[in-house]
PDB file of N, CA and C in Angstrom:
ATOM      1  N   MET A   1     116.859  11.118  74.965  1.00  0.00           N
ATOM      2  CA  MET A   1     117.153  12.229  74.215  1.00  0.00           C
ATOM      3  C   MET A   1     117.121  13.516  74.953  1.00  0.00           C
ATOM      4  N   GLN A   2     116.322  13.591  76.114  1.00  0.00           N
ATOM      5  CA  GLN A   2     116.212  14.857  76.762  1.00  0.00           C
ATOM      6  C   GLN A   2     117.533  14.971  77.404  1.00  0.00           C
ATOM      7  N   ARG A   3     118.225  13.873  78.039  1.00  0.00           N
ATOM      8  CA  ARG A   3     119.526  13.878  78.782  1.00  0.00           C
ATOM      9  C   ARG A   3     120.649  14.528  77.762  1.00  0.00           C
ATOM     10  N   TRP A   4     120.634  14.021  76.541  1.00  0.00           N
ATOM     11  CA  TRP A   4     121.491  14.529  75.553  1.00  0.00           C
ATOM     12  C   TRP A   4     121.504  15.995  75.271  1.00  0.00           C
ATOM     13  N   SER A   5     120.255  16.618  75.171  1.00  0.00           N
ATOM     14  CA  SER A   5     119.863  17.936  74.821  1.00  0.00           C
ATOM     15  C   SER A   5     120.328  18.802  76.093  1.00  0.00           C
ATOM     16  N   ARG A   6     120.115  18.259  77.366  1.00  0.00           N
ATOM     17  CA  ARG A   6     120.550  18.912  78.548  1.00  0.00           C
ATOM     18  C   ARG A   6     121.982  19.106  78.468  1.00  0.00           C
ATOM     19  N   HIS A   7     122.912  18.243  78.193  1.00  0.00           N
ATOM     20  CA  HIS A   7     124.141  18.406  78.089  1.00  0.00           C
ATOM     21  C   HIS A   7     124.670  19.302  76.886  1.00  0.00           C
ATOM     22  N   ILE A   8     124.094  19.338  75.977  1.00  0.00           N
ATOM     23  CA  ILE A   8     124.338  20.422  74.864  1.00  0.00           C
ATOM     24  C   ILE A   8     124.139  21.842  75.432  1.00  0.00           C
ATOM     25  N   VAL A   9     122.999  21.969  76.004  1.00  0.00           N
ATOM     26  CA  VAL A   9     122.722  23.258  76.669  1.00  0.00           C
ATOM     27  C   VAL A   9     123.704  23.666  77.832  1.00  0.00           C
ATOM     28  N   LEU A  10     124.065  22.751  78.639  1.00  0.00           N
ATOM     29  CA  LEU A  10     124.916  23.150  79.723  1.00  0.00           C
ATOM     30  C   LEU A  10     126.336  23.309  78.950  1.00  0.00           C
ATOM     31  N   GLY A  11     126.785  22.723  78.001  1.00  0.00           N
ATOM     32  CA  GLY A  11     127.888  23.053  77.263  1.00  0.00           C
ATOM     33  C   GLY A  11     128.038  24.321  76.657  1.00  0.00           C
ATOM     34  N   CYS A  12     126.954  24.651  76.096  1.00  0.00           N
ATOM     35  CA  CYS A  12     126.898  26.068  75.320  1.00  0.00           C
ATOM     36  C   CYS A  12     126.863  27.230  76.398  1.00  0.00           C
ATOM     37  N   ILE A  13     126.245  26.898  77.508  1.00  0.00           N
ATOM     38  CA  ILE A  13     126.211  27.906  78.512  1.00  0.00           C
ATOM     39  C   ILE A  13     127.617  28.066  79.166  1.00  0.00           C
ATOM     40  N   SER A  14     128.255  26.948  79.419  1.00  0.00           N
ATOM     41  CA  SER A  14     129.734  27.044  79.805  1.00  0.00           C
ATOM     42  C   SER A  14     130.647  27.733  78.905  1.00  0.00           C
ATOM     43  N   ILE A  15     130.580  27.432  77.637  1.00  0.00           N
ATOM     44  CA  ILE A  15     131.278  28.098  76.560  1.00  0.00           C
ATOM     45  C   ILE A  15     131.082  29.740  76.580  1.00  0.00           C
ATOM     46  N   PHE A  16     129.866  30.029  76.727  1.00  0.00           N
ATOM     47  CA  PHE A  16     129.402  31.380  76.659  1.00  0.00           C
ATOM     48  C   PHE A  16     129.926  32.081  77.896  1.00  0.00           C
ATOM     49  N   ALA A  17     129.838  31.443  79.156  1.00  0.00           N
ATOM     50  CA  ALA A  17     130.388  32.026  80.307  1.00  0.00           C
ATOM     51  C   ALA A  17     132.046  32.326  80.224  1.00  0.00           C
ATOM     52  N   LEU A  18     132.617  31.223  79.904  1.00  0.00           N
ATOM     53  CA  LEU A  18     134.056  31.321  79.499  1.00  0.00           C
ATOM     54  C   LEU A  18     134.622  32.603  78.571  1.00  0.00           C
ATOM     55  N   THR A  19     133.672  32.672  77.490  1.00  0.00           N
ATOM     56  CA  THR A  19     133.699  33.674  76.584  1.00  0.00           C
ATOM     57  C   THR A  19     133.692  34.970  77.217  1.00  0.00           C
ATOM     58  N   LEU A  20     132.531  35.131  78.020  1.00  0.00           N
ATOM     59  CA  LEU A  20     132.361  36.341  78.607  1.00  0.00           C
ATOM     60  C   LEU A  20     133.338  36.935  79.695  1.00  0.00           C
ATOM     61  N   MET A  21     133.798  35.919  80.427  1.00  0.00           N
ATOM     62  CA  MET A  21     134.792  36.116  81.264  1.00  0.00           C
ATOM     63  C   MET A  21     136.085  36.445  80.643  1.00  0.00           C
ATOM     64  N   SER A  22     136.443  35.953  79.836  1.00  0.00           N
ATOM     65  CA  SER A  22     137.768  35.990  79.003  1.00  0.00           C
ATOM     66  C   SER A  22     137.516  37.570  78.539  1.00  0.00           C
ATOM     67  N   ALA A  23     136.566  37.918  77.900  1.00  0.00           N
ATOM     68  CA  ALA A  23     136.388  39.391  77.365  1.00  0.00           C
ATOM     69  C   ALA A  23     136.605  40.415  78.359  1.00  0.00           C
ATOM     70  N   ALA A  24     135.816  40.104  79.533  1.00  0.00           N
ATOM     71  CA  ALA A  24     135.864  41.047  80.707  1.00  0.00           C
ATOM     72  C   ALA A  24     137.407  41.154  81.372  1.00  0.00           C
ATOM     73  N   LEU A  25     138.037  40.057  81.317  1.00  0.00           N
ATOM     74  CA  LEU A  25     139.513  40.219  81.764  1.00  0.00           C
ATOM     75  C   LEU A  25     140.444  40.902  80.716  1.00  0.00           C
ATOM     76  N   THR A  26     140.101  40.650  79.471  1.00  0.00           N
ATOM     77  CA  THR A  26     140.719  41.439  78.442  1.00  0.00           C
ATOM     78  C   THR A  26     140.518  42.945  78.443  1.00  0.00           C
ATOM     79  N   GLY A  27     139.163  43.327  78.862  1.00  0.00           N
ATOM     80  CA  GLY A  27     138.724  44.513  78.979  1.00  0.00           C
ATOM     81  C   GLY A  27     139.478  45.266  80.162  1.00  0.00           C
ATOM     82  N   CYS A  28     139.578  44.728  81.259  1.00  0.00           N
ATOM     83  CA  CYS A  28     140.265  45.160  82.346  1.00  0.00           C
ATOM     84  C   CYS A  28     141.654  45.562  81.890  1.00  0.00           C
ATOM     85  N   ASN A  29     142.206  44.550  81.478  1.00  0.00           N
ATOM     86  CA  ASN A  29     143.837  44.994  81.207  1.00  0.00           C
ATOM     87  C   ASN A  29     143.930  46.085  80.219  1.00  0.00           C
ATOM     88  N   THR A  30     142.857  46.409  79.112  1.00  0.00           N
ATOM     89  CA  THR A  30     142.940  47.305  78.158  1.00  0.00           C
ATOM     90  C   THR A  30     142.797  48.589  78.996  1.00  0.00           C
ATOM     91  N   VAL A  31     141.613  48.614  79.853  1.00  0.00           N
ATOM     92  CA  VAL A  31     141.284  49.952  80.593  1.00  0.00           C
ATOM     93  C   VAL A  31     142.380  50.416  81.465  1.00  0.00           C
ATOM     94  N   GLU A  32     142.978  49.406  82.091  1.00  0.00           N
ATOM     95  CA  GLU A  32     144.243  49.709  82.880  1.00  0.00           C
ATOM     96  C   GLU A  32     145.353  50.459  82.044  1.00  0.00           C
ATOM     97  N   GLY A  33     145.617  49.880  80.940  1.00  0.00           N
ATOM     98  CA  GLY A  33     146.701  50.472  79.961  1.00  0.00           C
ATOM     99  C   GLY A  33     146.233  51.935  79.611  1.00  0.00           C
ATOM    100  N   VAL A  34     144.984  52.057  79.262  1.00  0.00           N
ATOM    101  CA  VAL A  34     144.450  53.367  78.950  1.00  0.00           C
ATOM    102  C   VAL A  34     144.756  54.455  80.106  1.00  0.00           C
ATOM    103  N   GLY A  35     144.485  53.897  81.367  1.00  0.00           N
ATOM    104  CA  GLY A  35     144.518  54.716  82.505  1.00  0.00           C
ATOM    105  C   GLY A  35     145.787  55.274  82.591  1.00  0.00           C
ATOM    106  N   LYS A  36     146.836  54.202  82.459  1.00  0.00           N
ATOM    107  CA  LYS A  36     148.340  54.758  82.591  1.00  0.00           C
ATOM    108  C   LYS A  36     148.581  55.637  81.427  1.00  0.00           C
ATOM    109  N   ASP A  37     148.215  55.457  80.334  1.00  0.00           N
ATOM    110  CA  ASP A  37     148.644  56.450  79.146  1.00  0.00           C
ATOM    111  C   ASP A  37     148.020  57.793  79.477  1.00  0.00           C
ATOM    112  N   VAL A  38     146.797  57.879  80.006  1.00  0.00           N
ATOM    113  CA  VAL A  38     146.061  59.118  80.335  1.00  0.00           C
ATOM    114  C   VAL A  38     146.817  59.704  81.518  1.00  0.00           C
ATOM    115  N   LYS A  39     147.260  59.145  82.437  1.00  0.00           N
ATOM    116  CA  LYS A  39     148.100  59.651  83.523  1.00  0.00           C
ATOM    117  C   LYS A  39     149.370  60.304  83.118  1.00  0.00           C
ATOM    118  N   ALA A  40     150.030  59.481  82.244  1.00  0.00           N
ATOM    119  CA  ALA A  40     151.290  59.995  81.695  1.00  0.00           C
ATOM    120  C   ALA A  40     151.046  61.261  80.817  1.00  0.00           C
ATOM    121  N   ALA A  41     150.097  61.245  80.016  1.00  0.00           N
ATOM    122  CA  ALA A  41     149.879  62.415  79.296  1.00  0.00           C
ATOM    123  C   ALA A  41     149.476  63.656  80.147  1.00  0.00           C
ATOM    124  N   GLY A  42     148.693  63.442  81.213  1.00  0.00           N
ATOM    125  CA  GLY A  42     148.450  64.473  82.144  1.00  0.00           C
ATOM    126  C   GLY A  42     149.622  65.035  82.894  1.00  0.00           C
ATOM    127  N   GLY A  43     150.535  64.237  83.142  1.00  0.00           N
ATOM    128  CA  GLY A  43     151.790  64.449  83.951  1.00  0.00           C
ATOM    129  C   GLY A  43     152.540  65.334  82.765  1.00  0.00           C
ATOM    130  N   ALA A  44     152.558  65.131  81.613  1.00  0.00           N
ATOM    131  CA  ALA A  44     153.333  65.994  80.570  1.00  0.00           C
ATOM    132  C   ALA A  44     152.727  67.346  80.391  1.00  0.00           C
ATOM    133  N   LEU A  45     151.376  67.438  80.412  1.00  0.00           N
ATOM    134  CA  LEU A  45     150.618  68.652  80.295  1.00  0.00           C
ATOM    135  C   LEU A  45     150.978  69.490  81.571  1.00  0.00           C
ATOM    136  N   GLU A  46     151.079  68.893  82.675  1.00  0.00           N
ATOM    137  CA  GLU A  46     151.425  69.599  83.885  1.00  0.00           C
ATOM    138  C   GLU A  46     152.874  70.361  83.904  1.00  0.00           C
ATOM    139  N   ASP A  47     153.690  69.350  83.234  1.00  0.00           N
ATOM    140  CA  ASP A  47     155.115  69.844  83.175  1.00  0.00           C
ATOM    141  C   ASP A  47     155.059  70.808  82.077  1.00  0.00           C
ATOM    142  N   ALA A  48     154.517  70.883  81.017  1.00  0.00           N
ATOM    143  CA  ALA A  48     154.382  71.822  80.085  1.00  0.00           C
ATOM    144  C   ALA A  48     153.797  73.058  80.495  1.00  0.00           C
ATOM    145  N   ALA A  49     152.777  72.917  81.262  1.00  0.00           N
ATOM    146  CA  ALA A  49     152.141  74.284  81.872  1.00  0.00           C
ATOM    147  C   ALA A  49     153.122  74.968  82.958  1.00  0.00           C
ATOM    148  N   ASP A  50     153.916  74.109  83.618  1.00  0.00           N
ATOM    149  CA  ASP A  50     154.810  74.600  84.766  1.00  0.00           C
ATOM    150  C   ASP A  50     155.998  75.145  84.117  1.00  0.00           C
ATOM    151  N   GLY A  51     156.370  74.946  82.758  1.00  0.00           N
ATOM    152  CA  GLY A  51     157.584  75.381  82.152  1.00  0.00           C
ATOM    153  C   GLY A  51     158.632  74.241  82.307  1.00  0.00           C
ATOM    154  N   ASP A  52     158.284  73.100  83.008  1.00  0.00           N
ATOM    155  CA  ASP A  52     159.491  72.145  83.369  1.00  0.00           C
ATOM    156  C   ASP A  52     159.640  71.219  82.002  1.00  0.00           C
ATOM    157  N   ASP A  53     160.817  71.418  81.393  1.00  0.00           N
ATOM    158  CA  ASP A  53     160.970  70.627  80.036  1.00  0.00           C
ATOM    159  C   ASP A  53     161.941  69.359  80.397  1.00  0.00           C
TER     160      ASP A  53
END
C-alpha cells in the first residue's frame, strides 16, 4: 500500500511541475509580446514629439 501511495504522490508532483513550467513559458511569451508593443508605442510617441509623421 505504501508503494502505491508513493507513486500517486510522485505523479501529482510531476503534473504540478509540468503545469508550473508551462505557465512560466506562456508568461515569458506574453511578457515578450507586451515589451514589443510598449517599444512600438514609445517609438510612435517619439516620432509624434519630433513632428515626424
